[in-house]
Structures are given as structure tokens and as C-alpha cells.
Amino acid sequence: MTGIVAVKGESTPSETLTCLTVTSGAKCLSASHIPRCNGLVLHDCHAEILAIRAFNYWLLTECNGILSQKRQLAHDPLSSVGKETPGSSFIQKRSTEHGEDGHKPHSEWPPFEIQPDINLYMYCTCAPCGDGSMELCMAAQEDATPWEIPQQTHTEDTSTEEMFLDGRAHFSLLGIVRRKPSRTDAESTRSKSCSDKLALRQVSSLLSSETSRLVAPTKNVYIAGLVLPEEEISRVACERSFGVDGRMKGLAGRSWPETIDHEKETGYRFRPFQILSVPSEEVAALWPFAKPKPVTSPAVSSQKEDTPQTQGAKKSKPGNASAVWTLAPTYRDPSEIVTETGSKALPNLRRSKTGLYETVINGVKQGNRASAPGARGASALSRAKMWALFRNITSDPTSAQVEDVSAVSLETQAAQKPQNITYREFKEPNGKKDPSSIRMQAIRDAQQVLKGWMPNSGDEDWGLDVLVDCKKRKR
């Protein structure tokens, strides 16, 4: 399970902490399945990745809520007479005035930003798979000695594909990009490990290609801290995987664009997160769903206590279902209350209103088949649904005309690309000054430092017409 929380202010009492997303999951798709997804199937359902996608979904709905509120006030000014019209507690309109340091914000940056007194933290019940947990994997083996491999196996002529290792293979090779771990008899995937994806997010921020067009990459849109149970932390692995002196040290001090020379300036840069721990006793009391640890039976004699039968734990295996929950937006237009599920009665999670809740199996909503993806089965976090949500937010021209929302109007953003384009074309930047171009350059540079990054391509050549459901509903 993974959650992303927003902490407001310097202290961390419960009143200042708000849970934004909660997700669970441990599955991903094979490489051969990717070309059949058409933007309707989630490639990677590990909890950490779902949490980031869910955060971006919530961020889109929060932006949409602010704009919906402004539209409503513009169309009916009398509706706010005698009433408070609270803005978002989490995001705000970006200032275009000169700051205290004399710098003027980059005019091309998007219209919104995270509130400056908010920090984002990610909590995981398990160490992220890949490089950040290799020492833990080694310690779980009968022999924790790193596996030896012949020197000639990896040379300068070795292809990137051959160097792209399975999640738990070759313990003697550390600090490299790995695939998601899987069963030995399973078809291979090209989904990178959670350690690798989180390392990349230290440069690209938590923003996706959609939200980066609406929310500026300020310091507090990066993960401030990764919180783990203390027994799930290997300080050596975490420093190597995520730290300033680890595999990403070549990015220290760099920024995108290169003209950034002030800590508070908007832009992309390498921002390592803290590794924070939770005591094991507290985790055990709050989270009884963890994988059982190997236990030696006290009734067995010392001569037999090292046998596999006595060292084995209860049988367990990862479930194939993933759960997704997001916080409701601060403001929701009454006409948009019906959710993806069609339900108006939404549950609360610890007094927090629900924005989205889904059960996902094999990348699609429960009750649908990933082998024959359709619009009805697509998760709200899928590529097609996220792109459609972004398009809906930016398609109303009145959104950009209310209170001068942005130096670069949302109307312009929506009109920059024709309606009938592919997802690949949507992600292409509109010139070097486009914030998307800056973000893509930062990602490319980070991937080059994270050696062996193989793209999980094949699911880009489709348009939003995939969301047109031609099938008749059964009565």
C-alpha cells in the first residue's frame, strides 16, 4: 500500500496533514501486451506508481474545481453574495509579479502552483522494488553473498536490452535500472522498477505530462520525504539509489532551464527526498496485511531448526487486484458530482470526502477484460481518461478569461494542437520554450544518468476516439 499526503506548514500534527491518495497493487503488464492497450489499460499497477497517477488525477480535478468555481461566479455573480467562496487549500494561481529577489517568473510556466507552505510525502508499506531494496532481497536469501557473474557477460558491446535486468537477478550488479520483479516463468516486462521511477521523479517532479501543462514545477511539487517501515529501509541501498552521492550524483546542481539560479525559482532540478522511518511496532499494530515473516517453531529441536520446513512462513502471494482512492476536490460543480462509477453516494476515508475509488485488475476496472479493452473498463487513471480530463478542463474558453487566470491562457493551450491527434503528438512540445520541452529534456538527461533505461513503448498511436463506446449496454 502507498499513500501521498500533503503537510501544511512546518509542524506535522494531524490537523495539518491531509491524505490525497491511497493505492495498493503489485502487478504490471508484459511487454507484448503494451501495443494492445490503446491508452485504456494501466501498464504498471504497483502501489507507488498508482499513487503518483492518482495524485495527478486529483491535481487535475483540483484545477478543474477552481476553474468551475470561477465559471460559476462569472455566469452568476449574485450566487456569491453573502457567501464565502473558498479557494483551494492546496493550489493557487501563479503570481506573475517580481519576487523579493527581483526575478520575474518564467512567463511560459503554467497558470497554477502548489501552495508554498505545503510539502508532499509518500508512505509505502514495503521498500520500493529494484535498486532501493536489493540489500533487503539479499538478506532474505539463505546466502546473502552477492552472486558472481563472469566478467565477459557485460562488455562495452553489450546491448542495453541485455543490461536491462530482471528485478531480483544479479545481486552483484547494483546502481542500475531494473525491470519490475516477476515470477521466473512469467513473460518479461519493460516496466522499470519503482526505485528507478521514484529516482526519475526526483528530477521530473510528481507532475505528469497533463498536469505539467497546468501546474508549475515548484520545489514543493516534488516528494519531500519517502516514509517506510524501519525494517524496510537499507540506508546503503537508499543512498545509492536516491541520494546526492549515489547513482544520480551527476545531476547534482543541475537545473532545467539552465538559467535558474535561485532556490525558490520555478523549474526542474534534482531534488533528493529524505528517507524517513516508522517504528516496526507501530507498523505491526496499524498494518496487519504485510507478507508474513519466516518464523522458527520453538517446539523444534536445535538440530532441525534450520530446515526449510521450520524456516518457512505462511504461504502468501501478491493479489491481482489494485485499489485506488483519491481525495475529493476542494470545490466540485454540482453538475459534476456523478463519479466514474455513476454513484452519488461516496464513502469517507477518515473524515475525508472521496473523489475517486476504483478496483483495478490487470490494468482495467474490475469486471472488464484487459485482453479486450474498452472505454467502460478503462480506469480513470488510464492514459486515455487522463488526457480526456485535461482536454475537458482546457476546452472551455471562459475558464481562461476569468480573473486573468494565466499569463498563457488555457484557451491557447487547448488550441495549440488540433483535436484529432494521437497521444504521441499530444505529448510533443510546441517549441523549445514550451514547458513540456523543458520537462522532456530534464527527463532525458536523468534517464541518461540512470544507465540502461529502456522505453516501454508501443502505446502511443491512438486518439481520444478510443473513448467512444459503440457497444450497447445490456439491460
Foldseek 3Di string as FASTA:
>chain_A
DKWKWKAFADDRDPVRIDTFKFKAAADADALVLQLVQLLQFGGDRHGVVLNLLSNQLQLLQQLLQQLVLLVVCVVPVVVCVPHDDDHFPFKDFDDQDQDPVRDGAQQQFAGMATDPRMAMAMEDAAQWFALQQQQVVLVQDPHSDFDDDDPVQDDPPDDLVSVAAARHPGSVDHLAWHFRHDDPPDRHHQHITPLLVLQLCLFLASHDLLVRNHYFQWPRSHHQEYEYAPVNGDPVSCCQSFNCPHLQVVQPPQWFPRPDDDNGHTGTGRHGHHYHHDYPVVCVVVPVPDDDAFAADPVDDPVCRPDCVRRDDPDDDTDQKMKIWGFAHPGDDPVPQQALVRDNDFDADVNTTTRDIFIDGSRWGPPDDSSNGALNGGDCSGRLNSVVSSLVSLCDQVSCVRPNSGSCGSVCVNPVDDQPAWQVVNLDADDCSNSSNSSVVSSVVSDVSNPSNDDSDNNIGHHSCRNVDPDDDDD
